[in-house]
Each structure stands twice: as structure tokens, then as C-alpha cells.
Amino acid sequence: MRLVSFDVFRTLGFPDTTVLKPEHFLRHKPLLQDADWVLFPEYWQLNALVHGLKCRVFPSIASYRIGHDKVEMTRAFQCVAPEHTPFTLIEPNGPREREMIWDTMSLPFVAKLPKASMGEGVWLIESRQDWQRYCESTPVLYVQEYLPIDRDARVVVIGDQVLTAYWRVQSDQGFYNNLSRGGRIDDTPVPEVVTALALRLARLLEVDHAGFDIALVAGYPYVLEFNRLFGNQGLAQGRDLQQAILSYLQQKHEPRDPDGPTDPGRFLPTAV
């Protein structure tokens, strides 16, 4: 396979891979059009690569577009798995909407900025003052019910398989499970009900490179979000991730005929 990458760190050691700087991509249009796969472009490159140069990109278009915005992500979850999505309100940031949400939600509840990641932009709302500070920080109001958990599961999906799953335990400061915010890894096995939900969502939404965050409440899984670009702190072997990506790309690259070899005679006109 001929591969072009825009992320040297995520594709380090990939065979037959040319690494380009994203800002220089228009200088290399023939190379990009000739590539079998274009790997890890920036979000702002997506339309030009896919619709302009007709490139095949990884992660998938759905991984980019759904993973780019928590509002759009949650609406996608509500479409395909509403029973596994926490109660969520999404409204424009206006005085009437602020009051409606405040009157509707039970304390505490969670508020998020639509495009934050790595635990940033997540607020625990415990008072009117917390709510006012959040409202002054976002153009869109995005709130969810607070789930009584001290951990969530990170499920890494590559292609159509679960690569790994592990628990992220709440940090000493409380509330945050993200490793970047002080959370820690627990290697206790993650139940199949959790990994099955992540895989189901990935397949339904055509997401092929993601770290799904799923909470388990009294044995019932709730999807919180997924990250298209996830950290590798919980991955025991970085080479396992590389091999999983390459195997998936090779599998998707190879043409398949589900009906087997075609009989040339089946398409010839029949004599009347």
C-alpha cells in the first residue's frame, strides 16, 4: 500500500509512508491522488482531500465529522442508541434557555463546551454561580445528567474491532476521570456489555479510529463521548495499535466479491 501521512508521530514506523506537513498538502496533489490511503489529516483538510482530490482517508470521514463536536456527537448517539445516552439538553445560549435548563436539571449536573477535549471544558454544576460562569463561557448550552460513578471505561476501537479496554479511575481532586487531569488506569477487566456497546456504536456510525468513554451504572452502560485522537497511556504496546491500523487498511484496500468469481457468460444477452 502507498500511504501518505500528515501525523509523523501517529504513523512512526509505518512502511511505505510519505510524511507531509499539512500546510504543504496542495504542493503534493499528484502524490495524494496516487496514494491508497491518506492518514491523519487535519480536520480543515478533510473537504479538500475527500471531495477535491478524491483521497481515501483514515480515520474515516464519520470519525472526523462526528468526533469534531460534542453536540453533533450526542445527537448521533441519540439517533442510534438513545437508551444508552445520558439525559441531555442542547440549547442556544439565551436568557430563556438558561432559565429553562436551570429549572429542568437536578443538581449536580454536568455542562460541557462543544469542542473541548482531554477533560477540558467539562463543568460540574453544583450552584447557580457555577451555572452563570459556564453560561458566560459558551455559545451553546450543553448539559447532561450527573452519573454516580467514580470511573469510566476507555474502549479503543480500530476498524471493526476492539483493540483494548481499561478503566479510568477518578482523580484525587474528584469528578475527572481523564488521565490528563489526574485520573489513573485500573486494569480490572471491562465487562463485555461495555465493549459491545462501543463496537456497536462504531459500526453504526462508521467510526473506525476512536477511544469511546463509557460509564457503567448499576451494570448498565452509558456512552459519554468518543475521541478520534486518543492518548496512548492505556495502550500496553504501541506496536499493537500500529499493526491493528495497518491490518484494517489492508483489509479495506483489498477488493472483495461476496459472490465469488464472476462468470463472464452471465452477462451475455440470451438468444430469443
Protein backbone atom coordinates (compact mmCIF):
# COMPACT_ATOMS: atom_id res chain seq x y z
CA MET A 1 0.00 0.00 0.00
CA ARG A 2 1.11 3.54 -0.73
CA LEU A 3 0.46 5.69 2.31
CA VAL A 4 0.69 9.42 2.92
CA SER A 5 0.60 10.69 6.50
CA PHE A 6 0.09 14.13 7.96
CA ASP A 7 0.99 13.00 11.50
CA VAL A 8 4.55 11.78 11.89
CA PHE A 9 4.07 10.63 15.49
CA ARG A 10 0.94 8.52 14.93
CA THR A 11 2.42 6.81 11.89
CA LEU A 12 6.03 6.42 13.03
CA GLY A 13 7.35 3.12 11.66
CA PHE A 14 4.56 2.63 9.09
CA PRO A 15 6.01 1.05 5.91
CA ASP A 16 5.87 2.79 2.51
CA THR A 17 4.64 6.00 4.12
CA THR A 18 5.44 9.54 2.98
CA VAL A 19 5.01 12.16 5.69
CA LEU A 20 3.87 15.65 4.67
CA LYS A 21 3.23 18.85 6.57
CA PRO A 22 -0.49 19.67 6.48
CA GLU A 23 0.10 23.25 5.34
CA HIS A 24 2.01 21.97 2.28
CA PHE A 25 -0.59 19.49 1.03
CA LEU A 26 -1.53 21.47 -2.11
CA ARG A 27 2.07 21.16 -3.32
CA HIS A 28 1.68 17.38 -3.48
CA LYS A 29 -1.64 16.81 -5.25
CA PRO A 30 -0.39 14.04 -7.62
CA LEU A 31 1.19 12.17 -4.69
CA LEU A 32 -2.01 12.40 -2.67
CA GLN A 33 -4.22 11.32 -5.57
CA ASP A 34 -1.97 8.33 -6.21
CA ALA A 35 -1.94 7.18 -2.57
CA ASP A 36 -4.01 4.23 -1.42
CA TRP A 37 -4.64 5.94 1.92
CA VAL A 38 -4.12 9.41 3.36
CA LEU A 39 -3.61 9.13 7.11
CA PHE A 40 -4.49 11.53 9.92
CA PRO A 41 -5.07 14.77 8.03
CA GLU A 42 -6.14 17.85 9.96
CA TYR A 43 -9.86 18.49 10.15
CA TRP A 44 -9.57 21.59 7.97
CA GLN A 45 -8.05 19.47 5.17
CA LEU A 46 -10.88 16.96 5.04
CA ASN A 47 -13.17 18.50 2.41
CA ALA A 48 -10.31 19.38 0.07
CA LEU A 49 -8.80 15.89 0.30
CA VAL A 50 -12.00 13.88 0.09
CA HIS A 51 -14.13 15.96 -2.27
CA GLY A 52 -11.42 17.85 -4.14
CA LEU A 53 -8.65 15.28 -4.61
CA LYS A 54 -10.87 12.16 -4.10
CA CYS A 55 -8.49 10.75 -1.48
CA ARG A 56 -9.34 7.85 0.79
CA VAL A 57 -8.69 9.00 4.35
CA PHE A 58 -8.14 7.32 7.69
CA PRO A 59 -9.66 7.81 10.22
CA SER A 60 -12.98 7.71 8.40
CA ILE A 61 -14.94 10.78 7.39
CA ALA A 62 -17.53 9.91 10.05
CA SER A 63 -14.81 9.71 12.69
CA TYR A 64 -13.81 13.27 11.85
CA ARG A 65 -17.21 14.87 11.43
CA ILE A 66 -18.98 13.24 14.35
CA GLY A 67 -15.94 13.43 16.62
CA HIS A 68 -15.36 17.12 15.93
CA ASP A 69 -18.23 18.45 18.02
CA LYS A 70 -19.87 17.08 21.19
CA VAL A 71 -23.26 18.44 20.17
CA GLU A 72 -23.25 16.60 16.86
CA MET A 73 -21.78 13.52 18.53
CA THR A 74 -24.51 13.37 21.15
CA ARG A 75 -27.23 13.80 18.54
CA ALA A 76 -25.73 10.88 16.61
CA PHE A 77 -25.75 8.77 19.79
CA GLN A 78 -29.38 9.76 20.41
CA CYS A 79 -30.28 8.54 16.91
CA VAL A 80 -28.71 5.08 17.12
CA ALA A 81 -28.66 4.32 20.87
CA PRO A 82 -30.92 6.72 22.80
CA GLU A 83 -31.35 4.18 25.60
CA HIS A 84 -27.59 4.33 26.25
CA THR A 85 -27.25 8.13 26.11
CA PRO A 86 -27.47 10.15 29.36
CA PHE A 87 -30.31 12.66 29.53
CA THR A 88 -29.02 15.68 27.62
CA LEU A 89 -30.28 19.17 26.81
CA ILE A 90 -28.74 21.20 23.98
CA GLU A 91 -29.96 24.77 23.50
CA PRO A 92 -28.79 28.13 22.16
CA ASN A 93 -27.32 30.35 24.86
CA GLY A 94 -30.16 32.78 25.51
CA PRO A 95 -31.77 34.04 28.75
CA ARG A 96 -34.92 31.94 28.27
CA GLU A 97 -32.93 28.78 27.53
CA ARG A 98 -30.65 29.35 30.53
CA GLU A 99 -33.63 29.53 32.86
CA MET A 100 -35.36 26.55 31.28
CA ILE A 101 -32.30 24.36 31.73
CA TRP A 102 -31.71 25.57 35.28
CA ASP A 103 -35.32 24.76 36.18
CA THR A 104 -35.17 21.34 34.48
CA MET A 105 -31.90 19.84 35.66
CA SER A 106 -31.34 18.38 39.12
CA LEU A 107 -28.18 19.37 40.97
CA PRO A 108 -25.49 18.45 40.43
CA PHE A 109 -25.35 18.20 36.66
CA VAL A 110 -22.63 18.32 34.02
CA ALA A 111 -22.09 21.07 31.45
CA LYS A 112 -19.67 20.89 28.52
CA LEU A 113 -18.08 23.07 25.89
CA PRO A 114 -18.90 21.56 22.48
CA LYS A 115 -15.35 21.33 21.11
CA ALA A 116 -13.14 20.72 24.14
CA SER A 117 -11.18 17.51 24.75
CA MET A 118 -8.90 15.76 27.27
CA GLY A 119 -11.18 16.67 30.14
CA GLU A 120 -11.05 20.38 29.37
CA GLY A 121 -14.30 22.28 29.10
CA VAL A 122 -16.26 19.96 31.41
CA TRP A 123 -18.00 21.64 34.33
CA LEU A 124 -19.66 20.16 37.40
CA ILE A 125 -22.60 22.44 38.11
CA GLU A 126 -23.39 22.48 41.83
CA SER A 127 -24.69 26.02 42.28
CA ARG A 128 -26.24 28.98 40.48
CA GLN A 129 -22.82 30.62 40.44
CA ASP A 130 -21.33 27.60 38.66
CA TRP A 131 -24.10 27.80 36.09
CA GLN A 132 -23.59 31.50 35.47
CA ARG A 133 -19.85 31.08 34.97
CA TYR A 134 -20.45 28.26 32.48
CA CYS A 135 -23.07 30.25 30.56
CA GLU A 136 -20.60 33.09 30.13
CA SER A 137 -18.08 30.71 28.50
CA THR A 138 -20.01 29.08 25.67
CA PRO A 139 -22.21 30.00 22.68
CA VAL A 140 -24.18 26.74 23.04
CA LEU A 141 -25.64 25.26 26.22
CA TYR A 142 -24.86 21.55 26.51
CA VAL A 143 -25.81 19.80 29.76
CA GLN A 144 -26.15 16.18 30.87
CA GLU A 145 -27.39 14.40 33.92
CA TYR A 146 -24.73 13.60 36.50
CA LEU A 147 -23.99 9.88 36.68
CA PRO A 148 -22.94 8.49 40.10
CA ILE A 149 -19.62 6.94 39.02
CA ASP A 150 -16.01 7.02 40.18
CA ARG A 151 -14.64 5.67 36.89
CA ASP A 152 -15.43 5.13 33.26
CA ALA A 153 -14.14 2.71 30.64
CA ARG A 154 -12.00 3.75 27.70
CA VAL A 155 -12.66 1.36 24.81
CA VAL A 156 -10.30 1.70 21.86
CA VAL A 157 -11.85 0.68 18.54
CA ILE A 158 -9.74 0.28 15.41
CA GLY A 159 -11.61 -0.60 12.27
CA ASP A 160 -14.33 -3.02 13.30
CA GLN A 161 -12.57 -4.49 16.35
CA VAL A 162 -11.92 -3.54 19.97
CA LEU A 163 -8.17 -3.22 20.41
CA THR A 164 -8.19 -2.72 24.17
CA ALA A 165 -10.38 -1.56 27.06
CA TYR A 166 -9.46 -0.31 30.51
CA TRP A 167 -10.90 1.64 33.41
CA ARG A 168 -10.02 5.28 34.09
CA VAL A 169 -10.47 5.93 37.82
CA GLN A 170 -11.39 9.34 39.16
CA SER A 171 -8.55 11.66 40.14
CA ASP A 172 -7.88 12.61 43.76
CA GLN A 173 -9.43 16.02 43.10
CA GLY A 174 -12.66 14.26 42.14
CA PHE A 175 -15.01 14.36 39.14
CA TYR A 176 -12.41 13.98 36.35
CA ASN A 177 -11.51 10.51 35.06
CA ASN A 178 -9.24 11.70 32.24
CA LEU A 179 -5.63 10.64 32.65
CA SER A 180 -4.55 14.12 31.58
CA ARG A 181 -6.48 15.54 34.56
CA GLY A 182 -5.07 13.19 37.19
CA GLY A 183 -7.11 10.04 36.64
CA ARG A 184 -5.41 6.66 36.83
CA ILE A 185 -5.67 3.35 34.99
CA ASP A 186 -7.26 0.28 36.56
CA ASP A 187 -6.62 -3.00 34.71
CA THR A 188 -9.67 -4.74 36.16
CA PRO A 189 -11.43 -6.44 33.22
CA VAL A 190 -14.03 -4.30 31.46
CA PRO A 191 -17.37 -6.15 31.06
CA GLU A 192 -18.44 -7.26 27.61
CA VAL A 193 -21.60 -5.16 27.86
CA VAL A 194 -19.35 -2.09 27.72
CA THR A 195 -17.11 -3.18 24.86
CA ALA A 196 -20.12 -4.44 22.91
CA LEU A 197 -21.78 -1.02 23.13
CA ALA A 198 -18.62 0.74 21.89
CA LEU A 199 -18.32 -1.65 18.96
CA ARG A 200 -22.00 -1.32 18.11
CA LEU A 201 -21.76 2.47 18.05
CA ALA A 202 -18.60 2.42 15.97
CA ARG A 203 -20.18 0.15 13.37
CA LEU A 204 -23.47 2.02 13.20
CA LEU A 205 -21.78 5.41 12.89
CA GLU A 206 -18.91 4.19 10.66
CA VAL A 207 -16.28 5.35 13.13
CA ASP A 208 -13.06 3.39 12.68
CA HIS A 209 -10.49 5.03 14.99
CA ALA A 210 -11.74 6.13 18.38
CA GLY A 211 -11.47 5.91 22.12
CA PHE A 212 -15.03 5.56 23.45
CA ASP A 213 -15.73 6.66 27.03
CA ILE A 214 -18.50 4.58 28.58
CA ALA A 215 -19.86 4.69 32.12
CA LEU A 216 -21.38 1.70 33.89
CA VAL A 217 -24.21 2.49 36.31
CA ALA A 218 -25.64 -0.49 38.19
CA GLY A 219 -24.43 -2.73 35.37
CA TYR A 220 -25.98 -0.60 32.60
CA PRO A 221 -23.69 1.18 30.08
CA TYR A 222 -24.00 4.84 29.06
CA VAL A 223 -21.88 6.37 26.32
CA LEU A 224 -20.34 9.72 27.23
CA GLU A 225 -18.33 10.55 24.12
CA PHE A 226 -15.53 9.34 21.87
CA ASN A 227 -12.21 10.87 20.95
CA ARG A 228 -11.00 10.46 17.37
CA LEU A 229 -7.43 11.17 18.50
CA PHE A 230 -6.87 9.45 21.83
CA GLY A 231 -3.84 9.21 24.09
CA ASN A 232 -1.75 6.06 24.31
CA GLN A 233 -1.30 5.97 28.10
CA GLY A 234 -3.55 2.92 28.43
CA LEU A 235 -2.12 1.03 25.48
CA ALA A 236 0.33 -1.62 26.66
CA GLN A 237 2.09 -1.96 23.29
CA GLY A 238 2.18 0.87 20.79
CA ARG A 239 3.04 -1.66 18.08
CA ASP A 240 -0.31 -3.39 18.67
CA LEU A 241 -2.04 -0.17 17.65
CA GLN A 242 0.15 0.21 14.57
CA GLN A 243 -0.47 -3.37 13.48
CA ALA A 244 -4.22 -3.05 14.03
CA ILE A 245 -4.35 0.07 11.85
CA LEU A 246 -2.24 -1.46 9.07
CA SER A 247 -4.25 -4.69 9.08
CA TYR A 248 -7.51 -2.76 8.83
CA LEU A 249 -6.23 -0.57 5.99
CA GLN A 250 -5.01 -3.62 4.10
CA GLN A 251 -8.34 -5.37 4.63
CA LYS A 252 -10.28 -2.36 3.32
CA HIS A 253 -7.83 -1.91 0.45
CA GLU A 254 -8.31 -5.40 -0.95
CA PRO A 255 -11.35 -5.65 -3.27
CA ARG A 256 -13.88 -8.26 -2.27
CA ASP A 257 -16.58 -10.00 -4.28
CA PRO A 258 -19.05 -11.59 -1.83
CA ASP A 259 -20.45 -13.77 -4.64
CA GLY A 260 -17.07 -15.21 -5.64
CA PRO A 261 -15.57 -15.15 -9.16
CA THR A 262 -17.84 -13.73 -11.80
CA ASP A 263 -18.94 -15.95 -14.69
CA PRO A 264 -18.35 -13.86 -17.84
CA GLY A 265 -21.23 -15.59 -19.57
CA ARG A 266 -23.84 -14.50 -17.06
CA PHE A 267 -23.97 -11.00 -18.55
CA LEU A 268 -24.21 -12.06 -22.22
CA PRO A 269 -27.58 -11.49 -23.93
CA THR A 270 -29.78 -14.55 -24.15
CA ALA A 271 -30.92 -15.67 -27.60
CA VAL A 272 -34.64 -15.42 -28.12
